[in-house]
Amino acid sequence: MLRSGHKIALTLAATAAVIAGAAVAHARPRLTGEQELAELLKDRVAGKPVDCINLPMVSSSQVIDKTAIVYQSGSTYYVQRPRIGAESLDRDDVLVTRLTSSELCSIDTVQLHDRSSGFWRGFVGLDKFVPYARPPKVKPAR
């Protein structure tokens, strides 16, 4: 016969096992950078690449690990696949950009600053920006 202390310990152990099992069951496998980017752009259509974007109009940016930087301006996403250093991109990077005008262009570089350690991690050399927008809704013919 189990003493009450042993019953409590067994109950706690069983509860912990159930919680851990539930956490593992709900854990999603981590997507690769390409998969994450495809998921983000799944309902959008690529437009003609542009050399520059107007940075004051950008409302947010997102780093996709080892793949791209996505700048959002209005409802359009501008995907930047750096020509130099894309493999260095990490979602925990802080992007530091020094501009001479209000535009971020394909000839610019962006420095990478590690959010946790505070150290500079390197830089990426930009390429053209590819705009992705939702296709216009087609009205049904009457």
N, C-alpha and C. Protein backbone atom coordinates (compact mmCIF):
# COMPACT_ATOMS: atom_id res chain seq x y z
N MET A 1 0.84 -1.18 0.00
CA MET A 1 0.00 0.00 0.00
C MET A 1 0.89 1.24 0.00
N LEU A 2 0.51 2.24 -0.82
CA LEU A 2 1.29 3.47 -0.94
C LEU A 2 0.92 4.46 0.15
N ARG A 3 1.93 5.11 0.68
CA ARG A 3 1.69 6.18 1.64
C ARG A 3 1.19 7.41 0.88
N SER A 4 0.55 8.34 1.59
CA SER A 4 -0.03 9.51 0.93
C SER A 4 1.04 10.35 0.24
N GLY A 5 2.25 10.43 0.79
CA GLY A 5 3.34 11.17 0.15
C GLY A 5 3.70 10.57 -1.19
N HIS A 6 3.72 9.21 -1.26
CA HIS A 6 4.02 8.55 -2.52
C HIS A 6 2.91 8.76 -3.54
N LYS A 7 1.64 8.77 -3.07
CA LYS A 7 0.50 9.00 -3.97
C LYS A 7 0.60 10.39 -4.60
N ILE A 8 0.92 11.37 -3.77
CA ILE A 8 1.05 12.73 -4.28
C ILE A 8 2.18 12.82 -5.30
N ALA A 9 3.32 12.20 -5.00
CA ALA A 9 4.46 12.21 -5.92
C ALA A 9 4.10 11.54 -7.24
N LEU A 10 3.40 10.40 -7.16
CA LEU A 10 3.00 9.70 -8.39
C LEU A 10 2.00 10.54 -9.19
N THR A 11 1.08 11.19 -8.48
CA THR A 11 0.10 12.03 -9.16
C THR A 11 0.79 13.21 -9.85
N LEU A 12 1.73 13.85 -9.16
CA LEU A 12 2.48 14.96 -9.76
C LEU A 12 3.29 14.49 -10.96
N ALA A 13 3.92 13.33 -10.85
CA ALA A 13 4.71 12.79 -11.96
C ALA A 13 3.81 12.49 -13.16
N ALA A 14 2.65 11.91 -12.91
CA ALA A 14 1.72 11.58 -13.99
C ALA A 14 1.21 12.85 -14.66
N THR A 15 0.89 13.87 -13.85
CA THR A 15 0.42 15.15 -14.39
C THR A 15 1.50 15.80 -15.25
N ALA A 16 2.74 15.79 -14.77
CA ALA A 16 3.85 16.37 -15.53
C ALA A 16 4.03 15.64 -16.85
N ALA A 17 3.90 14.32 -16.84
CA ALA A 17 4.05 13.54 -18.07
C ALA A 17 2.96 13.89 -19.08
N VAL A 18 1.72 14.07 -18.60
CA VAL A 18 0.62 14.43 -19.49
C VAL A 18 0.86 15.81 -20.10
N ILE A 19 1.28 16.78 -19.26
CA ILE A 19 1.55 18.13 -19.75
C ILE A 19 2.68 18.13 -20.76
N ALA A 20 3.75 17.41 -20.46
CA ALA A 20 4.89 17.33 -21.38
C ALA A 20 4.47 16.69 -22.69
N GLY A 21 3.66 15.63 -22.61
CA GLY A 21 3.18 14.97 -23.82
C GLY A 21 2.32 15.88 -24.66
N ALA A 22 1.47 16.67 -24.00
CA ALA A 22 0.61 17.61 -24.72
C ALA A 22 1.45 18.69 -25.40
N ALA A 23 2.48 19.16 -24.72
CA ALA A 23 3.35 20.19 -25.31
C ALA A 23 4.06 19.65 -26.54
N VAL A 24 4.54 18.42 -26.47
CA VAL A 24 5.21 17.81 -27.62
C VAL A 24 4.23 17.58 -28.75
N ALA A 25 3.01 17.17 -28.44
CA ALA A 25 2.00 16.91 -29.46
C ALA A 25 1.63 18.20 -30.20
N HIS A 26 1.64 19.34 -29.51
CA HIS A 26 1.27 20.60 -30.13
C HIS A 26 2.46 21.35 -30.73
N ALA A 27 3.66 20.89 -30.49
CA ALA A 27 4.85 21.56 -31.03
C ALA A 27 4.88 21.36 -32.54
N ARG A 28 5.05 22.46 -33.25
CA ARG A 28 5.15 22.38 -34.70
C ARG A 28 6.62 22.29 -35.08
N PRO A 29 6.91 21.49 -36.08
CA PRO A 29 8.30 21.45 -36.52
C PRO A 29 8.69 22.82 -37.06
N ARG A 30 9.92 23.22 -36.81
CA ARG A 30 10.39 24.54 -37.27
C ARG A 30 10.55 24.51 -38.78
N LEU A 31 10.00 25.51 -39.43
CA LEU A 31 10.08 25.61 -40.88
C LEU A 31 11.45 26.12 -41.30
N THR A 32 11.89 25.72 -42.48
CA THR A 32 13.10 26.29 -43.05
C THR A 32 12.77 27.73 -43.46
N GLY A 33 13.80 28.52 -43.74
CA GLY A 33 13.57 29.89 -44.18
C GLY A 33 12.73 29.95 -45.45
N GLU A 34 13.01 29.08 -46.40
CA GLU A 34 12.24 29.06 -47.65
C GLU A 34 10.79 28.70 -47.40
N GLN A 35 10.53 27.74 -46.50
CA GLN A 35 9.16 27.35 -46.18
C GLN A 35 8.43 28.49 -45.47
N GLU A 36 9.12 29.16 -44.56
CA GLU A 36 8.51 30.28 -43.83
C GLU A 36 8.15 31.42 -44.79
N LEU A 37 9.05 31.71 -45.73
CA LEU A 37 8.79 32.75 -46.71
C LEU A 37 7.62 32.36 -47.62
N ALA A 38 7.58 31.12 -48.05
CA ALA A 38 6.47 30.65 -48.90
C ALA A 38 5.15 30.76 -48.16
N GLU A 39 5.14 30.44 -46.89
CA GLU A 39 3.91 30.54 -46.08
C GLU A 39 3.47 32.01 -45.97
N LEU A 40 4.40 32.92 -45.76
CA LEU A 40 4.10 34.33 -45.65
C LEU A 40 3.52 34.90 -46.95
N LEU A 41 4.01 34.41 -48.07
CA LEU A 41 3.62 34.95 -49.39
C LEU A 41 2.55 34.12 -50.11
N LYS A 42 1.99 33.12 -49.47
CA LYS A 42 1.15 32.14 -50.16
C LYS A 42 -0.03 32.71 -50.94
N ASP A 43 -0.62 33.80 -50.51
CA ASP A 43 -1.76 34.36 -51.23
C ASP A 43 -1.42 35.64 -51.99
N ARG A 44 -0.14 35.79 -52.31
CA ARG A 44 0.34 37.01 -52.96
C ARG A 44 1.00 36.68 -54.30
N VAL A 45 1.08 37.70 -55.14
CA VAL A 45 1.66 37.55 -56.48
C VAL A 45 2.85 38.50 -56.59
N ALA A 46 3.95 37.98 -57.15
CA ALA A 46 5.16 38.79 -57.31
C ALA A 46 4.97 39.82 -58.42
N GLY A 47 5.52 41.00 -58.16
CA GLY A 47 5.52 42.06 -59.17
C GLY A 47 6.91 42.23 -59.74
N LYS A 48 7.10 43.27 -60.52
CA LYS A 48 8.38 43.56 -61.13
C LYS A 48 9.35 44.07 -60.06
N PRO A 49 10.56 43.50 -59.99
CA PRO A 49 11.55 43.95 -59.00
C PRO A 49 11.87 45.43 -59.15
N VAL A 50 12.11 46.09 -58.01
CA VAL A 50 12.45 47.50 -58.00
C VAL A 50 13.80 47.69 -57.31
N ASP A 51 14.50 48.75 -57.68
CA ASP A 51 15.82 49.03 -57.10
C ASP A 51 15.74 49.60 -55.69
N CYS A 52 14.69 50.38 -55.39
CA CYS A 52 14.61 51.08 -54.10
C CYS A 52 13.20 51.02 -53.54
N ILE A 53 13.12 51.14 -52.21
CA ILE A 53 11.84 51.31 -51.54
C ILE A 53 11.94 52.55 -50.66
N ASN A 54 10.81 53.22 -50.46
CA ASN A 54 10.76 54.43 -49.65
C ASN A 54 10.66 54.00 -48.19
N LEU A 55 11.75 54.10 -47.45
CA LEU A 55 11.83 53.57 -46.09
C LEU A 55 10.83 54.21 -45.12
N PRO A 56 10.54 55.51 -45.20
CA PRO A 56 9.54 56.06 -44.28
C PRO A 56 8.14 55.44 -44.46
N MET A 57 7.88 54.83 -45.59
CA MET A 57 6.58 54.20 -45.84
C MET A 57 6.54 52.75 -45.33
N VAL A 58 7.67 52.23 -44.90
CA VAL A 58 7.73 50.84 -44.40
C VAL A 58 7.21 50.81 -42.97
N SER A 59 6.23 49.96 -42.73
CA SER A 59 5.63 49.87 -41.40
C SER A 59 6.28 48.79 -40.54
N SER A 60 6.90 47.79 -41.17
CA SER A 60 7.56 46.74 -40.40
C SER A 60 8.55 46.00 -41.29
N SER A 61 9.44 45.27 -40.63
CA SER A 61 10.36 44.39 -41.35
C SER A 61 10.47 43.09 -40.57
N GLN A 62 10.75 42.04 -41.30
CA GLN A 62 10.85 40.71 -40.70
C GLN A 62 12.04 39.99 -41.33
N VAL A 63 12.88 39.41 -40.48
CA VAL A 63 14.01 38.63 -40.97
C VAL A 63 13.58 37.17 -41.06
N ILE A 64 13.80 36.59 -42.21
CA ILE A 64 13.54 35.16 -42.43
C ILE A 64 14.91 34.47 -42.41
N ASP A 65 15.10 33.57 -41.45
CA ASP A 65 16.40 32.93 -41.25
C ASP A 65 17.06 32.47 -42.54
N LYS A 66 18.30 32.91 -42.73
CA LYS A 66 19.17 32.48 -43.83
C LYS A 66 18.56 32.65 -45.22
N THR A 67 17.54 33.54 -45.34
CA THR A 67 16.82 33.62 -46.60
C THR A 67 16.59 35.04 -47.10
N ALA A 68 15.88 35.85 -46.31
CA ALA A 68 15.42 37.14 -46.82
C ALA A 68 15.05 38.09 -45.68
N ILE A 69 14.86 39.35 -46.07
CA ILE A 69 14.26 40.36 -45.21
C ILE A 69 12.98 40.78 -45.92
N VAL A 70 11.87 40.82 -45.19
CA VAL A 70 10.60 41.23 -45.79
C VAL A 70 10.20 42.56 -45.17
N TYR A 71 10.05 43.57 -46.03
CA TYR A 71 9.63 44.90 -45.61
C TYR A 71 8.17 45.07 -45.99
N GLN A 72 7.33 45.52 -45.06
CA GLN A 72 5.93 45.74 -45.36
C GLN A 72 5.66 47.22 -45.51
N SER A 73 5.04 47.57 -46.63
CA SER A 73 4.64 48.95 -46.90
C SER A 73 3.18 48.90 -47.35
N GLY A 74 2.29 49.36 -46.49
CA GLY A 74 0.87 49.21 -46.79
C GLY A 74 0.52 47.74 -46.81
N SER A 75 -0.14 47.31 -47.87
CA SER A 75 -0.50 45.90 -47.98
C SER A 75 0.50 45.11 -48.84
N THR A 76 1.58 45.77 -49.24
CA THR A 76 2.58 45.13 -50.10
C THR A 76 3.78 44.68 -49.28
N TYR A 77 4.26 43.49 -49.55
CA TYR A 77 5.49 42.98 -48.95
C TYR A 77 6.60 43.11 -50.00
N TYR A 78 7.72 43.70 -49.60
CA TYR A 78 8.89 43.78 -50.47
C TYR A 78 9.91 42.78 -49.95
N VAL A 79 10.20 41.77 -50.76
CA VAL A 79 11.13 40.73 -50.37
C VAL A 79 12.52 41.07 -50.85
N GLN A 80 13.44 41.11 -49.91
CA GLN A 80 14.84 41.42 -50.17
C GLN A 80 15.66 40.15 -49.93
N ARG A 81 16.16 39.58 -51.02
CA ARG A 81 17.06 38.42 -50.92
C ARG A 81 18.47 38.96 -51.15
N PRO A 82 19.21 39.19 -50.07
CA PRO A 82 20.53 39.81 -50.21
C PRO A 82 21.43 39.03 -51.16
N ARG A 83 22.22 39.77 -51.94
CA ARG A 83 23.17 39.12 -52.86
C ARG A 83 24.42 38.71 -52.11
N ILE A 84 24.69 39.34 -50.96
CA ILE A 84 25.84 38.99 -50.12
C ILE A 84 25.36 38.78 -48.69
N GLY A 85 25.70 37.64 -48.10
CA GLY A 85 25.47 37.42 -46.68
C GLY A 85 24.12 36.90 -46.25
N ALA A 86 23.27 36.47 -47.16
CA ALA A 86 21.94 35.98 -46.78
C ALA A 86 22.02 34.85 -45.76
N GLU A 87 23.05 34.02 -45.86
CA GLU A 87 23.19 32.88 -44.93
C GLU A 87 23.44 33.34 -43.50
N SER A 88 23.75 34.62 -43.30
CA SER A 88 23.99 35.17 -41.96
C SER A 88 22.71 35.67 -41.29
N LEU A 89 21.62 35.79 -42.06
CA LEU A 89 20.39 36.34 -41.50
C LEU A 89 19.83 35.44 -40.40
N ASP A 90 19.41 36.06 -39.31
CA ASP A 90 18.85 35.36 -38.17
C ASP A 90 17.68 36.17 -37.64
N ARG A 91 16.57 35.51 -37.31
CA ARG A 91 15.37 36.21 -36.86
C ARG A 91 15.61 37.06 -35.62
N ASP A 92 16.68 36.79 -34.88
CA ASP A 92 16.99 37.58 -33.68
C ASP A 92 17.89 38.78 -33.99
N ASP A 93 18.17 39.02 -35.25
CA ASP A 93 19.00 40.17 -35.63
C ASP A 93 18.21 41.47 -35.55
N VAL A 94 18.91 42.52 -35.16
CA VAL A 94 18.40 43.88 -35.30
C VAL A 94 19.09 44.42 -36.54
N LEU A 95 18.31 44.98 -37.46
CA LEU A 95 18.85 45.51 -38.71
C LEU A 95 19.22 46.98 -38.51
N VAL A 96 20.46 47.32 -38.85
CA VAL A 96 20.93 48.70 -38.72
C VAL A 96 21.27 49.21 -40.12
N THR A 97 20.53 50.24 -40.53
CA THR A 97 20.67 50.78 -41.88
C THR A 97 21.06 52.24 -41.80
N ARG A 98 22.09 52.61 -42.51
CA ARG A 98 22.50 54.02 -42.60
C ARG A 98 22.20 54.50 -44.02
N LEU A 99 21.35 55.51 -44.11
CA LEU A 99 20.91 55.99 -45.41
C LEU A 99 21.41 57.41 -45.67
N THR A 100 21.56 57.71 -46.94
CA THR A 100 21.89 59.08 -47.33
C THR A 100 20.66 59.79 -47.90
N SER A 101 19.59 59.03 -48.10
CA SER A 101 18.31 59.59 -48.55
C SER A 101 17.21 58.80 -47.85
N SER A 102 15.96 59.01 -48.23
CA SER A 102 14.85 58.30 -47.59
C SER A 102 14.60 56.93 -48.20
N GLU A 103 15.41 56.58 -49.20
CA GLU A 103 15.21 55.30 -49.87
C GLU A 103 16.26 54.28 -49.47
N LEU A 104 15.82 53.03 -49.38
CA LEU A 104 16.72 51.90 -49.19
C LEU A 104 16.85 51.25 -50.56
N CYS A 105 18.08 51.12 -51.05
CA CYS A 105 18.28 50.68 -52.44
C CYS A 105 19.15 49.43 -52.53
N SER A 106 19.14 48.85 -53.71
CA SER A 106 19.86 47.61 -53.96
C SER A 106 21.38 47.75 -53.85
N ILE A 107 21.88 48.97 -53.81
CA ILE A 107 23.34 49.16 -53.65
C ILE A 107 23.74 49.33 -52.19
N ASP A 108 22.73 49.36 -51.28
CA ASP A 108 23.00 49.58 -49.86
C ASP A 108 23.37 48.28 -49.14
N THR A 109 23.90 48.45 -47.94
CA THR A 109 24.17 47.31 -47.05
C THR A 109 23.40 47.53 -45.76
N VAL A 110 23.13 46.43 -45.07
CA VAL A 110 22.45 46.47 -43.78
C VAL A 110 23.32 45.70 -42.80
N GLN A 111 23.63 46.34 -41.68
CA GLN A 111 24.44 45.67 -40.65
C GLN A 111 23.53 44.85 -39.75
N LEU A 112 24.06 43.72 -39.28
CA LEU A 112 23.31 42.81 -38.42
C LEU A 112 23.84 42.92 -36.99
N HIS A 113 22.94 43.17 -36.06
CA HIS A 113 23.29 43.35 -34.66
C HIS A 113 22.52 42.28 -33.88
N ASP A 114 23.22 41.43 -33.12
CA ASP A 114 22.57 40.37 -32.36
C ASP A 114 21.77 40.97 -31.20
N ARG A 115 20.49 40.66 -31.15
CA ARG A 115 19.59 41.21 -30.14
C ARG A 115 19.97 40.78 -28.73
N SER A 116 20.43 39.54 -28.56
CA SER A 116 20.74 39.01 -27.23
C SER A 116 22.07 39.49 -26.69
N SER A 117 23.12 39.34 -27.48
CA SER A 117 24.47 39.63 -26.99
C SER A 117 24.86 41.10 -27.15
N GLY A 118 24.22 41.78 -28.07
CA GLY A 118 24.57 43.17 -28.33
C GLY A 118 25.75 43.34 -29.27
N PHE A 119 26.28 42.24 -29.80
CA PHE A 119 27.43 42.30 -30.69
C PHE A 119 27.01 42.44 -32.15
N TRP A 120 27.86 43.09 -32.94
CA TRP A 120 27.68 43.15 -34.39
C TRP A 120 27.99 41.78 -34.95
N ARG A 121 27.15 41.30 -35.87
CA ARG A 121 27.34 39.96 -36.43
C ARG A 121 27.80 39.97 -37.89
N GLY A 122 27.76 41.08 -38.54
CA GLY A 122 28.14 41.14 -39.94
C GLY A 122 27.22 42.06 -40.70
N PHE A 123 27.09 41.81 -42.00
CA PHE A 123 26.24 42.66 -42.83
C PHE A 123 25.73 41.85 -44.01
N VAL A 124 24.72 42.40 -44.68
CA VAL A 124 24.23 41.82 -45.93
C VAL A 124 24.27 42.91 -46.99
N GLY A 125 24.61 42.51 -48.22
CA GLY A 125 24.59 43.40 -49.37
C GLY A 125 23.28 43.20 -50.10
N LEU A 126 22.52 44.26 -50.28
CA LEU A 126 21.17 44.15 -50.83
C LEU A 126 21.16 43.93 -52.34
N ASP A 127 20.03 43.45 -52.80
CA ASP A 127 19.75 43.23 -54.21
C ASP A 127 18.42 43.93 -54.50
N LYS A 128 17.81 43.68 -55.64
CA LYS A 128 16.53 44.29 -55.96
C LYS A 128 15.45 43.79 -55.00
N PHE A 129 14.43 44.61 -54.79
CA PHE A 129 13.30 44.29 -53.93
C PHE A 129 12.17 43.77 -54.82
N VAL A 130 11.59 42.63 -54.44
CA VAL A 130 10.49 42.07 -55.21
C VAL A 130 9.19 42.34 -54.45
N PRO A 131 8.28 43.15 -55.05
CA PRO A 131 7.01 43.43 -54.37
C PRO A 131 6.04 42.25 -54.52
N TYR A 132 5.36 41.94 -53.44
CA TYR A 132 4.33 40.90 -53.45
C TYR A 132 3.04 41.53 -52.94
N ALA A 133 2.00 41.45 -53.75
CA ALA A 133 0.70 42.02 -53.38
C ALA A 133 -0.39 40.96 -53.60
N ARG A 134 -1.49 41.16 -52.92
CA ARG A 134 -2.63 40.27 -53.14
C ARG A 134 -3.23 40.63 -54.50
N PRO A 135 -3.62 39.61 -55.26
CA PRO A 135 -4.22 39.91 -56.57
C PRO A 135 -5.56 40.63 -56.37
N PRO A 136 -5.92 41.50 -57.29
CA PRO A 136 -7.22 42.17 -57.17
C PRO A 136 -8.36 41.17 -57.25
N LYS A 137 -9.39 41.44 -56.47
CA LYS A 137 -10.56 40.55 -56.50
C LYS A 137 -11.32 40.76 -57.79
N VAL A 138 -11.63 39.66 -58.44
CA VAL A 138 -12.36 39.71 -59.71
C VAL A 138 -13.86 39.68 -59.41
N LYS A 139 -14.57 40.67 -59.95
CA LYS A 139 -16.02 40.70 -59.76
C LYS A 139 -16.65 39.70 -60.71
N PRO A 140 -17.62 38.92 -60.21
CA PRO A 140 -18.27 37.93 -61.09
C PRO A 140 -19.06 38.62 -62.19
N ALA A 141 -19.02 38.01 -63.38
CA ALA A 141 -19.76 38.53 -64.53
C ALA A 141 -21.25 38.35 -64.30
N ARG A 142 -22.03 39.27 -64.79
CA ARG A 142 -23.49 39.17 -64.62
C ARG A 142 -24.14 38.63 -65.83
